[in-house]
C-alpha atoms as a PDB file:
ATOM      1  CA  UNK A   1     -55.835  40.727 197.665  1.00  0.00           C
ATOM      2  CA  UNK A   2     -55.702  37.453 195.744  1.00  0.00           C
ATOM      3  CA  UNK A   3     -58.586  35.861 193.857  1.00  0.00           C
ATOM      4  CA  UNK A   4     -59.393  33.428 196.642  1.00  0.00           C
ATOM      5  CA  UNK A   5     -59.851  36.218 199.173  1.00  0.00           C
ATOM      6  CA  UNK A   6     -62.006  38.206 196.761  1.00  0.00           C
ATOM      7  CA  UNK A   7     -64.239  35.164 196.475  1.00  0.00           C
ATOM      8  CA  UNK A   8     -64.444  34.937 200.253  1.00  0.00           C
ATOM      9  CA  UNK A   9     -65.584  38.556 200.540  1.00  0.00           C
ATOM     10  CA  UNK A  10     -68.104  38.114 197.743  1.00  0.00           C
ATOM     11  CA  UNK A  11     -69.575  34.993 199.341  1.00  0.00           C
ATOM     12  CA  UNK A  12     -69.826  36.765 202.682  1.00  0.00           C
ATOM     13  CA  UNK A  13     -71.778  39.629 201.139  1.00  0.00           C
ATOM     14  CA  UNK A  14     -74.152  37.271 199.329  1.00  0.00           C
ATOM     15  CA  UNK A  15     -74.833  35.247 202.474  1.00  0.00           C
ATOM     16  CA  UNK A  16     -74.890  38.008 205.050  1.00  0.00           C
ATOM     17  CA  UNK A  17     -77.866  36.447 206.833  1.00  0.00           C
ATOM     18  CA  UNK A  18     -75.730  33.473 207.900  1.00  0.00           C
ATOM     19  CA  UNK A  19     -78.343  30.858 207.007  1.00  0.00           C
ATOM     20  CA  UNK A  20     -75.730  28.962 205.026  1.00  0.00           C
ATOM     21  CA  UNK A  21     -72.014  28.559 205.698  1.00  0.00           C
ATOM     22  CA  UNK A  22     -69.085  27.046 203.731  1.00  0.00           C
ATOM     23  CA  UNK A  23     -68.435  24.037 205.956  1.00  0.00           C
ATOM     24  CA  UNK A  24     -64.999  22.466 205.518  1.00  0.00           C
ATOM     25  CA  UNK A  25     -65.575  19.696 208.047  1.00  0.00           C
ATOM     26  CA  UNK A  26     -67.446  18.847 211.221  1.00  0.00           C
ATOM     27  CA  UNK A  27     -66.537  16.162 213.740  1.00  0.00           C
ATOM     28  CA  UNK A  28     -66.776  15.172 217.391  1.00  0.00           C
ATOM     29  CA  UNK A  29     -63.441  15.033 219.197  1.00  0.00           C
ATOM     30  CA  UNK A  30     -61.271  16.267 222.083  1.00  0.00           C
ATOM     31  CA  UNK A  31     -60.086  19.858 222.383  1.00  0.00           C
ATOM     32  CA  UNK A  32     -56.328  19.709 222.109  1.00  0.00           C
ATOM     33  CA  UNK A  33     -55.214  23.290 222.812  1.00  0.00           C
ATOM     34  CA  UNK A  34     -55.539  26.078 225.339  1.00  0.00           C
ATOM     35  CA  UNK A  35     -57.735  26.402 228.398  1.00  0.00           C
ATOM     36  CA  UNK A  36     -60.232  23.669 227.476  1.00  0.00           C
ATOM     37  CA  UNK A  37     -57.641  21.029 226.578  1.00  0.00           C
ATOM     38  CA  UNK A  38     -58.928  17.513 227.156  1.00  0.00           C
ATOM     39  CA  UNK A  39     -62.644  18.348 226.936  1.00  0.00           C
ATOM     40  CA  UNK A  40     -65.003  16.771 224.426  1.00  0.00           C
ATOM     41  CA  UNK A  41     -66.638  19.070 221.868  1.00  0.00           C
ATOM     42  CA  UNK A  42     -68.112  19.140 218.395  1.00  0.00           C
ATOM     43  CA  UNK A  43     -65.831  20.932 215.944  1.00  0.00           C
ATOM     44  CA  UNK A  44     -67.231  23.013 213.107  1.00  0.00           C
ATOM     45  CA  UNK A  45     -64.615  24.267 210.635  1.00  0.00           C
ATOM     46  CA  UNK A  46     -65.760  27.086 208.357  1.00  0.00           C
ATOM     47  CA  UNK A  47     -64.012  27.940 205.094  1.00  0.00           C
ATOM     48  CA  UNK A  48     -62.416  31.251 204.165  1.00  0.00           C
ATOM     49  CA  UNK A  49     -59.403  33.075 205.598  1.00  0.00           C
ATOM     50  CA  UNK A  50     -58.054  36.603 205.254  1.00  0.00           C
ATOM     51  CA  UNK A  51     -54.908  35.909 207.308  1.00  0.00           C
ATOM     52  CA  UNK A  52     -53.176  33.024 205.479  1.00  0.00           C
ATOM     53  CA  UNK A  53     -50.281  32.195 207.815  1.00  0.00           C
ATOM     54  CA  UNK A  54     -47.328  30.493 206.103  1.00  0.00           C
ATOM     55  CA  UNK A  55     -47.273  27.729 208.733  1.00  0.00           C
ATOM     56  CA  UNK A  56     -51.042  27.145 208.797  1.00  0.00           C
ATOM     57  CA  UNK A  57     -51.951  23.442 209.032  1.00  0.00           C
ATOM     58  CA  UNK A  58     -55.412  24.047 207.538  1.00  0.00           C
ATOM     59  CA  UNK A  59     -54.531  25.785 204.258  1.00  0.00           C
ATOM     60  CA  UNK A  60     -57.262  23.782 202.518  1.00  0.00           C
ATOM     61  CA  UNK A  61     -59.763  25.959 204.398  1.00  0.00           C
ATOM     62  CA  UNK A  62     -58.471  29.273 203.004  1.00  0.00           C
ATOM     63  CA  UNK A  63     -60.698  29.490 199.937  1.00  0.00           C
ATOM     64  CA  UNK A  64     -64.352  29.345 200.911  1.00  0.00           C
ATOM     65  CA  UNK A  65     -65.301  28.826 197.279  1.00  0.00           C
ATOM     66  CA  UNK A  66     -63.948  25.275 197.450  1.00  0.00           C
ATOM     67  CA  UNK A  67     -66.688  24.220 199.867  1.00  0.00           C
ATOM     68  CA  UNK A  68     -70.412  23.767 199.595  1.00  0.00           C
ATOM     69  CA  UNK A  69     -72.644  26.305 201.307  1.00  0.00           C
ATOM     70  CA  UNK A  70     -74.526  24.207 203.862  1.00  0.00           C
ATOM     71  CA  UNK A  71     -77.791  24.986 205.646  1.00  0.00           C
ATOM     72  CA  UNK A  72     -77.054  25.686 209.315  1.00  0.00           C
ATOM     73  CA  UNK A  73     -80.261  23.924 210.404  1.00  0.00           C
ATOM     74  CA  UNK A  74     -78.758  20.511 209.671  1.00  0.00           C
ATOM     75  CA  UNK A  75     -75.449  21.485 211.256  1.00  0.00           C
ATOM     76  CA  UNK A  76     -77.177  22.512 214.471  1.00  0.00           C
ATOM     77  CA  UNK A  77     -79.135  19.250 214.587  1.00  0.00           C
ATOM     78  CA  UNK A  78     -75.935  17.204 214.228  1.00  0.00           C
ATOM     79  CA  UNK A  79     -74.253  19.180 216.999  1.00  0.00           C
ATOM     80  CA  UNK A  80     -77.254  18.812 219.311  1.00  0.00           C
ATOM     81  CA  UNK A  81     -77.160  14.993 219.408  1.00  0.00           C
ATOM     82  CA  UNK A  82     -73.572  14.519 220.671  1.00  0.00           C
ATOM     83  CA  UNK A  83     -73.064  13.911 224.426  1.00  0.00           C
ATOM     84  CA  UNK A  84     -70.956  17.024 224.990  1.00  0.00           C
ATOM     85  CA  UNK A  85     -73.245  20.006 224.594  1.00  0.00           C
ATOM     86  CA  UNK A  86     -70.435  22.206 223.287  1.00  0.00           C
ATOM     87  CA  UNK A  87     -69.219  23.309 219.871  1.00  0.00           C
ATOM     88  CA  UNK A  88     -65.908  24.843 218.792  1.00  0.00           C
ATOM     89  CA  UNK A  89     -66.341  27.056 215.733  1.00  0.00           C
ATOM     90  CA  UNK A  90     -63.035  27.407 213.923  1.00  0.00           C
ATOM     91  CA  UNK A  91     -61.591  27.903 210.437  1.00  0.00           C
ATOM     92  CA  UNK A  92     -60.139  29.357 208.361  1.00  0.00           C
ATOM     93  CA  UNK A  93     -61.359  32.580 209.885  1.00  0.00           C
ATOM     94  CA  UNK A  94     -64.956  32.001 210.958  1.00  0.00           C
ATOM     95  CA  UNK A  95     -65.665  35.695 211.573  1.00  0.00           C
ATOM     96  CA  UNK A  96     -65.627  36.292 207.831  1.00  0.00           C
ATOM     97  CA  UNK A  97     -69.224  35.103 208.121  1.00  0.00           C
ATOM     98  CA  UNK A  98     -72.252  36.314 210.034  1.00  0.00           C
ATOM     99  CA  UNK A  99     -72.548  33.841 212.906  1.00  0.00           C
ATOM    100  CA  UNK A 100     -75.475  35.461 214.729  1.00  0.00           C
ATOM    101  CA  UNK A 101     -78.165  33.013 213.602  1.00  0.00           C
ATOM    102  CA  UNK A 102     -75.920  29.954 214.016  1.00  0.00           C
ATOM    103  CA  UNK A 103     -75.230  30.894 217.628  1.00  0.00           C
ATOM    104  CA  UNK A 104     -78.867  31.768 218.301  1.00  0.00           C
ATOM    105  CA  UNK A 105     -80.006  28.339 217.143  1.00  0.00           C
ATOM    106  CA  UNK A 106     -77.226  26.608 219.101  1.00  0.00           C
ATOM    107  CA  UNK A 107     -78.173  28.464 222.295  1.00  0.00           C
ATOM    108  CA  UNK A 108     -81.810  27.436 221.768  1.00  0.00           C
ATOM    109  CA  UNK A 109     -80.563  23.825 221.949  1.00  0.00           C
ATOM    110  CA  UNK A 110     -78.582  24.488 225.121  1.00  0.00           C
ATOM    111  CA  UNK A 111     -75.220  24.220 223.342  1.00  0.00           C
ATOM    112  CA  UNK A 112     -72.160  26.029 224.716  1.00  0.00           C
ATOM    113  CA  UNK A 113     -70.441  28.042 221.977  1.00  0.00           C
ATOM    114  CA  UNK A 114     -66.669  28.387 221.716  1.00  0.00           C
ATOM    115  CA  UNK A 115     -64.989  30.549 219.059  1.00  0.00           C
ATOM    116  CA  UNK A 116     -61.439  30.259 217.739  1.00  0.00           C
ATOM    117  CA  UNK A 117     -60.440  33.367 215.792  1.00  0.00           C
ATOM    118  CA  UNK A 118     -57.521  35.534 214.743  1.00  0.00           C
ATOM    119  CA  UNK A 119     -59.697  38.552 215.510  1.00  0.00           C
ATOM    120  CA  UNK A 120     -59.124  40.081 212.081  1.00  0.00           C
ATOM    121  CA  UNK A 121     -62.849  40.533 211.388  1.00  0.00           C
ATOM    122  CA  UNK A 122     -65.735  42.122 213.347  1.00  0.00           C
ATOM    123  CA  UNK A 123     -67.293  39.939 216.014  1.00  0.00           C
ATOM    124  CA  UNK A 124     -70.654  38.283 215.396  1.00  0.00           C
ATOM    125  CA  UNK A 125     -72.475  35.545 217.288  1.00  0.00           C
ATOM    126  CA  UNK A 126     -73.117  34.844 220.965  1.00  0.00           C
ATOM    127  CA  UNK A 127     -70.131  33.132 222.599  1.00  0.00           C
ATOM    128  CA  UNK A 128     -69.531  31.445 225.930  1.00  0.00           C
ATOM    129  CA  UNK A 129     -65.793  31.505 225.242  1.00  0.00           C
ATOM    130  CA  UNK A 130     -63.598  33.409 222.788  1.00  0.00           C
ATOM    131  CA  UNK A 131     -60.128  32.065 222.059  1.00  0.00           C
ATOM    132  CA  UNK A 132     -58.105  34.749 220.274  1.00  0.00           C
ATOM    133  CA  UNK A 133     -54.969  33.720 218.379  1.00  0.00           C
ATOM    134  CA  UNK A 134     -53.628  36.983 216.898  1.00  0.00           C
ATOM    135  CA  UNK A 135     -51.483  37.065 213.757  1.00  0.00           C
ATOM    136  CA  UNK A 136     -48.988  39.789 212.841  1.00  0.00           C
ATOM    137  CA  UNK A 137     -50.019  40.013 209.188  1.00  0.00           C
ATOM    138  CA  UNK A 138     -53.647  40.783 210.135  1.00  0.00           C
ATOM    139  CA  UNK A 139     -53.710  42.194 213.691  1.00  0.00           C
ATOM    140  CA  UNK A 140     -56.839  41.677 215.783  1.00  0.00           C
ATOM    141  CA  UNK A 141     -59.554  44.307 216.033  1.00  0.00           C
ATOM    142  CA  UNK A 142     -60.028  46.027 219.384  1.00  0.00           C
ATOM    143  CA  UNK A 143     -63.607  44.745 219.672  1.00  0.00           C
ATOM    144  CA  UNK A 144     -62.339  41.155 219.571  1.00  0.00           C
ATOM    145  CA  UNK A 145     -59.444  41.805 221.937  1.00  0.00           C
ATOM    146  CA  UNK A 146     -61.814  43.180 224.562  1.00  0.00           C
ATOM    147  CA  UNK A 147     -63.995  40.035 224.371  1.00  0.00           C
ATOM    148  CA  UNK A 148     -61.145  37.510 224.570  1.00  0.00           C
ATOM    149  CA  UNK A 149     -61.391  34.867 227.285  1.00  0.00           C
ATOM    150  CA  UNK A 150     -58.046  33.403 226.304  1.00  0.00           C
ATOM    151  CA  UNK A 151     -55.145  34.753 224.278  1.00  0.00           C
ATOM    152  CA  UNK A 152     -53.241  31.980 222.506  1.00  0.00           C
ATOM    153  CA  UNK A 153     -50.113  33.234 220.748  1.00  0.00           C
ATOM    154  CA  UNK A 154     -48.236  30.925 218.395  1.00  0.00           C
ATOM    155  CA  UNK A 155     -44.474  31.169 218.912  1.00  0.00           C
ATOM    156  CA  UNK A 156     -42.370  30.518 215.826  1.00  0.00           C
ATOM    157  CA  UNK A 157     -39.351  32.733 216.573  1.00  0.00           C
ATOM    158  CA  UNK A 158     -37.948  34.650 219.542  1.00  0.00           C
ATOM    159  CA  UNK A 159     -39.470  37.874 218.198  1.00  0.00           C
ATOM    160  CA  UNK A 160     -42.962  36.458 218.767  1.00  0.00           C
ATOM    161  CA  UNK A 161     -42.649  36.981 222.520  1.00  0.00           C
ATOM    162  CA  UNK A 162     -42.836  40.745 221.978  1.00  0.00           C
ATOM    163  CA  UNK A 163     -45.950  40.242 219.818  1.00  0.00           C
ATOM    164  CA  UNK A 164     -47.504  38.195 222.616  1.00  0.00           C
ATOM    165  CA  UNK A 165     -46.873  40.937 225.166  1.00  0.00           C
ATOM    166  CA  UNK A 166     -48.250  43.593 222.835  1.00  0.00           C
ATOM    167  CA  UNK A 167     -51.563  41.762 222.638  1.00  0.00           C
ATOM    168  CA  UNK A 168     -51.605  40.844 226.329  1.00  0.00           C
ATOM    169  CA  UNK A 169     -51.806  44.563 227.138  1.00  0.00           C
ATOM    170  CA  UNK A 170     -55.093  44.845 225.227  1.00  0.00           C
ATOM    171  CA  UNK A 171     -57.126  41.901 226.578  1.00  0.00           C
ATOM    172  CA  UNK A 172     -59.298  41.915 229.752  1.00  0.00           C
ATOM    173  CA  UNK A 173     -57.709  41.158 233.114  1.00  0.00           C
ATOM    174  CA  UNK A 174     -59.560  37.806 233.346  1.00  0.00           C
ATOM    175  CA  UNK A 175     -58.155  36.599 229.997  1.00  0.00           C
ATOM    176  CA  UNK A 176     -56.007  33.455 230.167  1.00  0.00           C
ATOM    177  CA  UNK A 177     -52.598  33.857 228.513  1.00  0.00           C
ATOM    178  CA  UNK A 178     -51.027  31.029 226.494  1.00  0.00           C
ATOM    179  CA  UNK A 179     -47.854  30.595 224.474  1.00  0.00           C
ATOM    180  CA  UNK A 180     -48.015  27.755 221.945  1.00  0.00           C
ATOM    181  CA  UNK A 181     -45.029  26.503 219.931  1.00  0.00           C
ATOM    182  CA  UNK A 182     -45.595  26.391 216.183  1.00  0.00           C
ATOM    183  CA  UNK A 183     -45.761  22.668 215.450  1.00  0.00           C
ATOM    184  CA  UNK A 184     -43.033  22.427 212.792  1.00  0.00           C
ATOM    185  CA  UNK A 185     -40.457  24.104 215.047  1.00  0.00           C
ATOM    186  CA  UNK A 186     -41.777  22.988 218.425  1.00  0.00           C
ATOM    187  CA  UNK A 187     -38.588  21.171 219.386  1.00  0.00           C
ATOM    188  CA  UNK A 188     -36.492  24.254 218.710  1.00  0.00           C
ATOM    189  CA  UNK A 189     -38.840  26.675 220.466  1.00  0.00           C
ATOM    190  CA  UNK A 190     -39.925  24.550 223.419  1.00  0.00           C
ATOM    191  CA  UNK A 191     -37.043  25.500 225.713  1.00  0.00           C
ATOM    192  CA  UNK A 192     -37.199  29.234 224.919  1.00  0.00           C
ATOM    193  CA  UNK A 193     -40.931  29.144 225.724  1.00  0.00           C
ATOM    194  CA  UNK A 194     -40.307  27.309 229.000  1.00  0.00           C
ATOM    195  CA  UNK A 195     -37.587  29.795 229.941  1.00  0.00           C
ATOM    196  CA  UNK A 196     -39.824  32.729 229.066  1.00  0.00           C
ATOM    197  CA  UNK A 197     -42.726  31.457 231.157  1.00  0.00           C
ATOM    198  CA  UNK A 198     -40.432  30.876 234.122  1.00  0.00           C
ATOM    199  CA  UNK A 199     -39.522  34.566 233.932  1.00  0.00           C
ATOM    200  CA  UNK A 200     -43.063  35.726 233.065  1.00  0.00           C
ATOM    201  CA  UNK A 201     -45.408  33.394 235.006  1.00  0.00           C
ATOM    202  CA  UNK A 202     -48.585  35.185 233.908  1.00  0.00           C
ATOM    203  CA  UNK A 203     -48.222  33.009 230.777  1.00  0.00           C
ATOM    204  CA  UNK A 204     -48.889  29.268 230.499  1.00  0.00           C
ATOM    205  CA  UNK A 205     -47.804  26.855 227.774  1.00  0.00           C
ATOM    206  CA  UNK A 206     -50.324  25.389 225.326  1.00  0.00           C
ATOM    207  CA  UNK A 207     -49.427  22.236 223.429  1.00  0.00           C
ATOM    208  CA  UNK A 208     -51.280  20.762 220.463  1.00  0.00           C
ATOM    209  CA  UNK A 209     -52.022  17.647 222.467  1.00  0.00           C
ATOM    210  CA  UNK A 210     -54.429  16.271 219.850  1.00  0.00           C
ATOM    211  CA  UNK A 211     -51.441  15.828 217.526  1.00  0.00           C
ATOM    212  CA  UNK A 212     -49.578  13.854 220.190  1.00  0.00           C
ATOM    213  CA  UNK A 213     -52.719  11.785 220.823  1.00  0.00           C
ATOM    214  CA  UNK A 214     -53.325  11.424 217.068  1.00  0.00           C
ATOM    215  CA  UNK A 215     -56.958  12.453 217.266  1.00  0.00           C
ATOM    216  CA  UNK A 216     -58.605  14.938 214.845  1.00  0.00           C
END
């Protein structure tokens, strides 16, 4: 474990009540991936990651120690005033932190809660929707797999199809199944993904449409 991850674990232990979180950024935008593509939502990105994918496009969020611990009261108030009463909590890996109180306060405001996670940490919080994007170097916990509403597997190489199927066996029957090309090799992998879905139609393709639209 590197120094950055040690700091993440230490911060988590010191702030186990979840009253403060290391917020990387927060903004109002359009969901660009998966089942809720095209819908407006408030995005809350929390710092800290124990997965650290080589192709991650949010590496700045890995070390929670680089970000100020912010009171969740103010965060909730900012979320509550936007027209779309929905928030996407993402990271980093947001489940490194206790999200119970954050979700409780959001639900008190009538806000729908959507989680994006690798599933590498125990589940906390009350969620209307759980998007699980499993990673090979830190496989998801069973308790997260069984709560997944959508399984979104990033496809970088041909071998990732087997990883997708492995996880698809563990999620509930209602879970939506998505294959998403890794952005830097999307042109190379697009046709293999299309061909795979044609042969395995339980899967759908997810594109990072926000990058095509050039929105956050």
